[in-house]
Amino acid sequence: MSHYSVGPDMAVTLNFSLKLEDGVEVDSTFDKAPATLTIGDGNLPEGFESLIQGLVPGAREQFTVAPEQGFGIHNKANVQRMPRTQFGTDIELSEGVMLSFADQGGSELPGVVTWLSETVVEVDFNHPLAGRTLLFDVEIIDVQPAV
């Protein structure tokens, strides 16, 4: 057991689960190998990182995470309508399908088809958990200085 606590540039091994307010589990490592990440590397949203600051190995905590602290508020500006002709005929289009787009910087940007007609496709580029309050259950297993 290390004597370190969770903080900037620390490598943290943890188990976590993420649930919606109604108890539906979105993700969990409790039934598989724990996750290891470095605080500040972007693997864990900043709002989640701030919650676990100062925790030590052996700690187990539960947090309610507001949308502003988690994956953000659902932003209507991130829902875009595009001509159906922009999509190749080989692409299966239906509501709920996740597609991958390239943003201006060439990074991959996932979007979910939320509505479509013969001529228009509406795609939501918000994070699927945007606007949702989440229950974050975390167990700190180990904390070491990141190499």
N, C-alpha and C. Protein backbone atom coordinates (compact mmCIF):
# COMPACT_ATOMS: atom_id res chain seq x y z
N MET A 1 0.85 -1.18 0.00
CA MET A 1 0.00 0.00 0.00
C MET A 1 0.90 1.24 0.00
N SER A 2 0.68 2.13 -0.98
CA SER A 2 1.51 3.34 -1.04
C SER A 2 1.01 4.37 -0.02
N HIS A 3 1.84 5.34 0.27
CA HIS A 3 1.45 6.41 1.19
C HIS A 3 1.10 7.68 0.43
N TYR A 4 0.95 7.56 -0.89
CA TYR A 4 0.62 8.72 -1.71
C TYR A 4 -0.89 8.92 -1.76
N SER A 5 -1.31 10.16 -2.09
CA SER A 5 -2.73 10.43 -2.31
C SER A 5 -2.92 10.93 -3.74
N VAL A 6 -4.16 10.85 -4.21
CA VAL A 6 -4.47 11.26 -5.58
C VAL A 6 -4.21 12.76 -5.73
N GLY A 7 -3.44 13.11 -6.74
CA GLY A 7 -3.12 14.51 -7.03
C GLY A 7 -2.50 14.63 -8.40
N PRO A 8 -2.12 15.84 -8.81
CA PRO A 8 -1.54 16.06 -10.14
C PRO A 8 -0.33 15.15 -10.40
N ASP A 9 -0.27 14.64 -11.62
CA ASP A 9 0.84 13.80 -12.09
C ASP A 9 1.05 12.53 -11.27
N MET A 10 -0.02 12.04 -10.65
CA MET A 10 0.05 10.77 -9.94
C MET A 10 -0.62 9.70 -10.81
N ALA A 11 -0.02 8.51 -10.84
CA ALA A 11 -0.61 7.37 -11.54
C ALA A 11 -1.55 6.69 -10.54
N VAL A 12 -2.81 6.59 -10.91
CA VAL A 12 -3.83 6.07 -10.01
C VAL A 12 -4.42 4.79 -10.60
N THR A 13 -4.45 3.74 -9.79
CA THR A 13 -5.13 2.51 -10.18
C THR A 13 -6.43 2.49 -9.38
N LEU A 14 -7.54 2.33 -10.10
CA LEU A 14 -8.83 2.40 -9.43
C LEU A 14 -9.88 1.53 -10.10
N ASN A 15 -10.88 1.21 -9.34
CA ASN A 15 -12.10 0.62 -9.87
C ASN A 15 -13.15 1.72 -9.83
N PHE A 16 -14.04 1.71 -10.82
CA PHE A 16 -15.11 2.71 -10.79
C PHE A 16 -16.36 2.14 -11.46
N SER A 17 -17.47 2.72 -11.13
CA SER A 17 -18.68 2.48 -11.90
C SER A 17 -19.37 3.82 -12.11
N LEU A 18 -20.03 3.92 -13.23
CA LEU A 18 -20.77 5.10 -13.61
C LEU A 18 -22.19 4.67 -13.88
N LYS A 19 -23.13 5.27 -13.17
CA LYS A 19 -24.54 4.92 -13.34
C LYS A 19 -25.36 6.18 -13.60
N LEU A 20 -26.48 5.99 -14.31
CA LEU A 20 -27.44 7.07 -14.46
C LEU A 20 -28.20 7.18 -13.14
N GLU A 21 -28.93 8.25 -12.96
CA GLU A 21 -29.67 8.45 -11.70
C GLU A 21 -30.65 7.33 -11.41
N ASP A 22 -31.15 6.69 -12.47
CA ASP A 22 -32.13 5.59 -12.27
C ASP A 22 -31.44 4.26 -11.95
N GLY A 23 -30.10 4.29 -11.81
CA GLY A 23 -29.37 3.08 -11.44
C GLY A 23 -28.86 2.26 -12.60
N VAL A 24 -29.18 2.64 -13.84
CA VAL A 24 -28.69 1.92 -15.02
C VAL A 24 -27.18 2.15 -15.14
N GLU A 25 -26.43 1.05 -15.17
CA GLU A 25 -24.97 1.16 -15.23
C GLU A 25 -24.52 1.48 -16.65
N VAL A 26 -23.66 2.50 -16.76
CA VAL A 26 -23.12 2.93 -18.04
C VAL A 26 -21.77 2.25 -18.29
N ASP A 27 -20.96 2.16 -17.24
CA ASP A 27 -19.62 1.59 -17.36
C ASP A 27 -19.15 1.16 -15.97
N SER A 28 -18.32 0.13 -15.91
CA SER A 28 -17.77 -0.30 -14.63
C SER A 28 -16.52 -1.14 -14.85
N THR A 29 -15.58 -1.01 -13.91
CA THR A 29 -14.40 -1.89 -13.93
C THR A 29 -14.45 -2.87 -12.76
N PHE A 30 -15.48 -2.76 -11.89
CA PHE A 30 -15.52 -3.61 -10.71
C PHE A 30 -15.56 -5.10 -11.07
N ASP A 31 -16.07 -5.44 -12.25
CA ASP A 31 -16.16 -6.84 -12.65
C ASP A 31 -15.04 -7.25 -13.60
N LYS A 32 -14.03 -6.37 -13.76
CA LYS A 32 -12.89 -6.70 -14.62
C LYS A 32 -11.64 -6.06 -14.04
N ALA A 33 -10.61 -5.93 -14.85
CA ALA A 33 -9.35 -5.36 -14.36
C ALA A 33 -9.53 -3.88 -14.04
N PRO A 34 -8.91 -3.39 -12.95
CA PRO A 34 -9.00 -1.97 -12.63
C PRO A 34 -8.35 -1.11 -13.71
N ALA A 35 -8.70 0.15 -13.72
CA ALA A 35 -8.13 1.10 -14.67
C ALA A 35 -6.94 1.80 -14.02
N THR A 36 -5.94 2.12 -14.83
CA THR A 36 -4.81 2.93 -14.35
C THR A 36 -4.71 4.15 -15.25
N LEU A 37 -4.62 5.31 -14.64
CA LEU A 37 -4.53 6.54 -15.40
C LEU A 37 -3.69 7.53 -14.63
N THR A 38 -3.22 8.55 -15.33
CA THR A 38 -2.44 9.60 -14.69
C THR A 38 -3.33 10.83 -14.57
N ILE A 39 -3.39 11.40 -13.37
CA ILE A 39 -4.20 12.60 -13.14
C ILE A 39 -3.67 13.72 -14.03
N GLY A 40 -4.57 14.31 -14.81
CA GLY A 40 -4.19 15.39 -15.72
C GLY A 40 -3.94 14.94 -17.15
N ASP A 41 -4.05 13.62 -17.43
CA ASP A 41 -3.76 13.16 -18.80
C ASP A 41 -4.99 13.18 -19.72
N GLY A 42 -6.15 13.58 -19.17
CA GLY A 42 -7.35 13.68 -19.99
C GLY A 42 -8.18 12.41 -20.06
N ASN A 43 -7.71 11.32 -19.45
CA ASN A 43 -8.49 10.09 -19.47
C ASN A 43 -9.73 10.17 -18.60
N LEU A 44 -9.67 10.99 -17.58
CA LEU A 44 -10.79 11.16 -16.67
C LEU A 44 -11.19 12.63 -16.76
N PRO A 45 -12.48 12.93 -17.02
CA PRO A 45 -12.88 14.34 -17.10
C PRO A 45 -12.45 15.08 -15.83
N GLU A 46 -12.10 16.36 -16.02
CA GLU A 46 -11.60 17.18 -14.91
C GLU A 46 -12.53 17.17 -13.70
N GLY A 47 -13.82 17.20 -13.94
CA GLY A 47 -14.78 17.20 -12.85
C GLY A 47 -14.67 15.95 -11.99
N PHE A 48 -14.40 14.80 -12.63
CA PHE A 48 -14.23 13.55 -11.90
C PHE A 48 -12.89 13.56 -11.16
N GLU A 49 -11.86 14.08 -11.82
CA GLU A 49 -10.54 14.16 -11.17
C GLU A 49 -10.61 14.98 -9.89
N SER A 50 -11.33 16.09 -9.94
CA SER A 50 -11.38 16.96 -8.75
C SER A 50 -12.06 16.24 -7.58
N LEU A 51 -13.00 15.35 -7.87
CA LEU A 51 -13.69 14.62 -6.81
C LEU A 51 -12.77 13.66 -6.06
N ILE A 52 -11.82 13.08 -6.77
CA ILE A 52 -10.98 12.05 -6.13
C ILE A 52 -9.66 12.60 -5.60
N GLN A 53 -9.42 13.91 -5.76
CA GLN A 53 -8.20 14.54 -5.24
C GLN A 53 -8.07 14.24 -3.74
N GLY A 54 -6.89 13.83 -3.33
CA GLY A 54 -6.63 13.62 -1.91
C GLY A 54 -7.00 12.24 -1.40
N LEU A 55 -7.71 11.43 -2.21
CA LEU A 55 -8.05 10.09 -1.75
C LEU A 55 -6.79 9.22 -1.71
N VAL A 56 -6.79 8.25 -0.82
CA VAL A 56 -5.63 7.37 -0.65
C VAL A 56 -6.04 5.93 -0.97
N PRO A 57 -5.06 5.05 -1.24
CA PRO A 57 -5.39 3.66 -1.51
C PRO A 57 -6.27 3.08 -0.40
N GLY A 58 -7.28 2.34 -0.80
CA GLY A 58 -8.22 1.74 0.14
C GLY A 58 -9.50 2.55 0.27
N ALA A 59 -9.48 3.81 -0.17
CA ALA A 59 -10.67 4.66 -0.08
C ALA A 59 -11.72 4.20 -1.09
N ARG A 60 -12.98 4.23 -0.66
CA ARG A 60 -14.09 3.96 -1.58
C ARG A 60 -15.16 5.02 -1.33
N GLU A 61 -15.49 5.75 -2.37
CA GLU A 61 -16.41 6.88 -2.24
C GLU A 61 -17.46 6.82 -3.34
N GLN A 62 -18.60 7.45 -3.06
CA GLN A 62 -19.65 7.60 -4.07
C GLN A 62 -19.96 9.08 -4.21
N PHE A 63 -20.10 9.53 -5.45
CA PHE A 63 -20.36 10.93 -5.73
C PHE A 63 -21.54 11.06 -6.69
N THR A 64 -22.31 12.12 -6.54
CA THR A 64 -23.31 12.47 -7.53
C THR A 64 -22.68 13.58 -8.36
N VAL A 65 -22.60 13.35 -9.67
CA VAL A 65 -21.90 14.28 -10.55
C VAL A 65 -22.92 15.01 -11.43
N ALA A 66 -23.02 16.32 -11.25
CA ALA A 66 -23.92 17.15 -12.06
C ALA A 66 -23.37 17.23 -13.49
N PRO A 67 -24.25 17.47 -14.47
CA PRO A 67 -23.78 17.54 -15.87
C PRO A 67 -22.62 18.51 -16.07
N GLU A 68 -22.66 19.66 -15.38
CA GLU A 68 -21.59 20.66 -15.53
C GLU A 68 -20.24 20.12 -15.09
N GLN A 69 -20.25 19.17 -14.18
CA GLN A 69 -19.01 18.61 -13.65
C GLN A 69 -18.61 17.35 -14.42
N GLY A 70 -19.56 16.76 -15.14
CA GLY A 70 -19.30 15.51 -15.85
C GLY A 70 -19.03 15.73 -17.33
N PHE A 71 -20.05 15.48 -18.15
CA PHE A 71 -19.86 15.53 -19.60
C PHE A 71 -20.54 16.74 -20.22
N GLY A 72 -20.88 17.73 -19.39
CA GLY A 72 -21.41 18.98 -19.91
C GLY A 72 -22.91 18.98 -20.09
N ILE A 73 -23.41 20.17 -20.37
CA ILE A 73 -24.82 20.39 -20.64
C ILE A 73 -25.07 20.03 -22.10
N HIS A 74 -26.26 19.50 -22.38
CA HIS A 74 -26.62 19.21 -23.77
C HIS A 74 -26.74 20.53 -24.51
N ASN A 75 -25.96 20.71 -25.56
CA ASN A 75 -25.90 21.97 -26.30
C ASN A 75 -26.60 21.81 -27.65
N LYS A 76 -27.69 22.56 -27.83
CA LYS A 76 -28.45 22.47 -29.09
C LYS A 76 -27.59 22.82 -30.31
N ALA A 77 -26.57 23.66 -30.11
CA ALA A 77 -25.68 24.05 -31.22
C ALA A 77 -24.86 22.85 -31.72
N ASN A 78 -24.77 21.80 -30.89
CA ASN A 78 -24.01 20.61 -31.30
C ASN A 78 -24.88 19.61 -32.06
N VAL A 79 -26.14 19.98 -32.32
CA VAL A 79 -27.03 19.15 -33.13
C VAL A 79 -27.10 19.81 -34.50
N GLN A 80 -26.67 19.08 -35.53
CA GLN A 80 -26.59 19.68 -36.86
C GLN A 80 -27.37 18.88 -37.88
N ARG A 81 -27.97 19.59 -38.82
CA ARG A 81 -28.67 18.95 -39.94
C ARG A 81 -27.81 19.08 -41.19
N MET A 82 -27.70 17.97 -41.92
CA MET A 82 -26.87 17.94 -43.12
C MET A 82 -27.66 17.30 -44.25
N PRO A 83 -27.31 17.68 -45.50
CA PRO A 83 -27.97 17.04 -46.63
C PRO A 83 -27.63 15.55 -46.65
N ARG A 84 -28.62 14.73 -46.93
CA ARG A 84 -28.40 13.30 -46.97
C ARG A 84 -27.36 12.94 -48.03
N THR A 85 -27.22 13.77 -49.04
CA THR A 85 -26.26 13.51 -50.12
C THR A 85 -24.82 13.55 -49.62
N GLN A 86 -24.58 14.12 -48.42
CA GLN A 86 -23.23 14.17 -47.84
C GLN A 86 -22.78 12.79 -47.36
N PHE A 87 -23.71 11.86 -47.26
CA PHE A 87 -23.40 10.54 -46.74
C PHE A 87 -23.36 9.56 -47.89
N GLY A 88 -22.31 8.75 -47.94
CA GLY A 88 -22.18 7.76 -49.02
C GLY A 88 -23.34 6.77 -49.00
N THR A 89 -23.62 6.20 -50.14
CA THR A 89 -24.73 5.23 -50.24
C THR A 89 -24.41 3.94 -49.49
N ASP A 90 -23.13 3.74 -49.14
CA ASP A 90 -22.72 2.53 -48.42
C ASP A 90 -22.92 2.67 -46.91
N ILE A 91 -23.32 3.86 -46.45
CA ILE A 91 -23.49 4.09 -45.02
C ILE A 91 -24.94 3.79 -44.63
N GLU A 92 -25.10 2.91 -43.65
CA GLU A 92 -26.42 2.56 -43.13
C GLU A 92 -26.88 3.67 -42.20
N LEU A 93 -27.90 4.41 -42.61
CA LEU A 93 -28.39 5.52 -41.80
C LEU A 93 -29.70 5.14 -41.12
N SER A 94 -29.72 5.25 -39.80
CA SER A 94 -30.96 5.08 -39.04
C SER A 94 -30.78 5.79 -37.71
N GLU A 95 -31.90 6.09 -37.04
CA GLU A 95 -31.82 6.78 -35.76
C GLU A 95 -31.04 5.94 -34.75
N GLY A 96 -30.14 6.60 -34.01
CA GLY A 96 -29.37 5.90 -32.99
C GLY A 96 -28.02 5.40 -33.47
N VAL A 97 -27.78 5.44 -34.78
CA VAL A 97 -26.50 4.97 -35.33
C VAL A 97 -25.43 6.00 -35.01
N MET A 98 -24.27 5.53 -34.52
CA MET A 98 -23.16 6.43 -34.25
C MET A 98 -22.25 6.44 -35.47
N LEU A 99 -21.93 7.65 -35.92
CA LEU A 99 -21.04 7.82 -37.07
C LEU A 99 -19.81 8.59 -36.61
N SER A 100 -18.74 8.46 -37.38
CA SER A 100 -17.51 9.16 -37.04
C SER A 100 -17.24 10.21 -38.11
N PHE A 101 -16.97 11.43 -37.67
CA PHE A 101 -16.69 12.53 -38.57
C PHE A 101 -15.30 13.06 -38.24
N ALA A 102 -14.69 13.78 -39.18
CA ALA A 102 -13.42 14.45 -38.90
C ALA A 102 -13.73 15.92 -38.65
N ASP A 103 -13.18 16.46 -37.56
CA ASP A 103 -13.38 17.89 -37.31
C ASP A 103 -12.31 18.69 -38.08
N GLN A 104 -12.33 20.02 -37.93
CA GLN A 104 -11.39 20.87 -38.68
C GLN A 104 -9.93 20.50 -38.43
N GLY A 105 -9.64 20.05 -37.22
CA GLY A 105 -8.26 19.70 -36.89
C GLY A 105 -7.88 18.29 -37.31
N GLY A 106 -8.83 17.57 -37.92
CA GLY A 106 -8.56 16.20 -38.36
C GLY A 106 -8.79 15.16 -37.28
N SER A 107 -9.25 15.62 -36.10
CA SER A 107 -9.55 14.67 -35.03
C SER A 107 -10.87 13.98 -35.30
N GLU A 108 -11.05 12.80 -34.71
CA GLU A 108 -12.29 12.05 -34.88
C GLU A 108 -13.36 12.62 -33.96
N LEU A 109 -14.55 12.83 -34.52
CA LEU A 109 -15.66 13.39 -33.77
C LEU A 109 -16.87 12.47 -33.94
N PRO A 110 -17.29 11.78 -32.86
CA PRO A 110 -18.45 10.91 -32.99
C PRO A 110 -19.75 11.70 -32.96
N GLY A 111 -20.71 11.26 -33.73
CA GLY A 111 -22.03 11.88 -33.73
C GLY A 111 -23.09 10.79 -33.85
N VAL A 112 -24.25 11.03 -33.25
CA VAL A 112 -25.34 10.06 -33.27
C VAL A 112 -26.47 10.60 -34.13
N VAL A 113 -26.96 9.79 -35.07
CA VAL A 113 -28.09 10.19 -35.89
C VAL A 113 -29.33 10.23 -35.00
N THR A 114 -29.98 11.42 -34.91
CA THR A 114 -31.15 11.56 -34.04
C THR A 114 -32.45 11.65 -34.84
N TRP A 115 -32.35 11.97 -36.14
CA TRP A 115 -33.54 12.10 -36.97
C TRP A 115 -33.10 12.11 -38.42
N LEU A 116 -33.92 11.58 -39.31
CA LEU A 116 -33.59 11.66 -40.72
C LEU A 116 -34.84 11.63 -41.58
N SER A 117 -34.69 12.21 -42.77
CA SER A 117 -35.77 12.19 -43.76
C SER A 117 -35.14 11.75 -45.07
N GLU A 118 -35.89 11.86 -46.15
CA GLU A 118 -35.35 11.49 -47.47
C GLU A 118 -34.17 12.38 -47.86
N THR A 119 -34.16 13.63 -47.37
CA THR A 119 -33.17 14.59 -47.83
C THR A 119 -32.23 15.12 -46.74
N VAL A 120 -32.61 14.94 -45.47
CA VAL A 120 -31.85 15.55 -44.37
C VAL A 120 -31.50 14.51 -43.31
N VAL A 121 -30.30 14.66 -42.73
CA VAL A 121 -29.87 13.82 -41.61
C VAL A 121 -29.50 14.75 -40.47
N GLU A 122 -30.11 14.51 -39.28
CA GLU A 122 -29.78 15.29 -38.08
C GLU A 122 -28.82 14.47 -37.23
N VAL A 123 -27.68 15.09 -36.88
CA VAL A 123 -26.64 14.40 -36.10
C VAL A 123 -26.36 15.19 -34.83
N ASP A 124 -26.34 14.48 -33.69
CA ASP A 124 -26.06 15.08 -32.39
C ASP A 124 -24.60 14.80 -32.03
N PHE A 125 -23.81 15.87 -31.92
CA PHE A 125 -22.39 15.73 -31.60
C PHE A 125 -22.11 15.91 -30.11
N ASN A 126 -23.16 16.05 -29.28
CA ASN A 126 -22.97 16.11 -27.84
C ASN A 126 -22.49 14.74 -27.34
N HIS A 127 -21.73 14.73 -26.25
CA HIS A 127 -21.36 13.46 -25.62
C HIS A 127 -22.66 12.76 -25.23
N PRO A 128 -22.75 11.42 -25.42
CA PRO A 128 -24.01 10.71 -25.08
C PRO A 128 -24.45 10.93 -23.62
N LEU A 129 -23.53 11.27 -22.73
CA LEU A 129 -23.89 11.49 -21.33
C LEU A 129 -24.04 12.98 -21.00
N ALA A 130 -23.98 13.85 -22.01
CA ALA A 130 -24.18 15.29 -21.78
C ALA A 130 -25.58 15.50 -21.23
N GLY A 131 -25.67 16.40 -20.24
CA GLY A 131 -26.97 16.72 -19.66
C GLY A 131 -27.46 15.72 -18.62
N ARG A 132 -26.69 14.68 -18.36
CA ARG A 132 -27.12 13.65 -17.40
C ARG A 132 -26.39 13.81 -16.07
N THR A 133 -27.14 13.64 -14.98
CA THR A 133 -26.53 13.56 -13.65
C THR A 133 -26.10 12.11 -13.47
N LEU A 134 -24.88 11.90 -13.01
CA LEU A 134 -24.32 10.55 -12.92
C LEU A 134 -23.95 10.20 -11.48
N LEU A 135 -24.00 8.91 -11.18
CA LEU A 135 -23.54 8.40 -9.90
C LEU A 135 -22.18 7.74 -10.14
N PHE A 136 -21.16 8.26 -9.48
CA PHE A 136 -19.77 7.83 -9.68
C PHE A 136 -19.31 7.14 -8.40
N ASP A 137 -19.04 5.84 -8.52
CA ASP A 137 -18.58 5.03 -7.39
C ASP A 137 -17.12 4.69 -7.69
N VAL A 138 -16.22 5.05 -6.79
CA VAL A 138 -14.80 4.85 -7.06
C VAL A 138 -14.10 4.21 -5.86
N GLU A 139 -13.19 3.30 -6.18
CA GLU A 139 -12.35 2.64 -5.17
C GLU A 139 -10.90 2.84 -5.60
N ILE A 140 -10.11 3.51 -4.77
CA ILE A 140 -8.70 3.76 -5.07
C ILE A 140 -7.89 2.53 -4.63
N ILE A 141 -7.17 1.94 -5.58
CA ILE A 141 -6.38 0.75 -5.28
C ILE A 141 -4.93 1.09 -5.02
N ASP A 142 -4.35 1.97 -5.88
CA ASP A 142 -2.95 2.33 -5.69
C ASP A 142 -2.71 3.73 -6.25
N VAL A 143 -1.76 4.44 -5.66
CA VAL A 143 -1.35 5.77 -6.13
C VAL A 143 0.18 5.81 -6.10
N GLN A 144 0.77 6.15 -7.24
CA GLN A 144 2.23 6.23 -7.35
C GLN A 144 2.57 7.47 -8.20
N PRO A 145 3.77 8.03 -8.04
CA PRO A 145 4.17 9.12 -8.93
C PRO A 145 4.20 8.58 -10.38
N ALA A 146 3.68 9.39 -11.30
CA ALA A 146 3.70 9.00 -12.72
C ALA A 146 5.15 9.05 -13.21
N VAL A 147 5.47 8.13 -14.10
CA VAL A 147 6.85 8.12 -14.62
C VAL A 147 6.99 8.95 -15.85
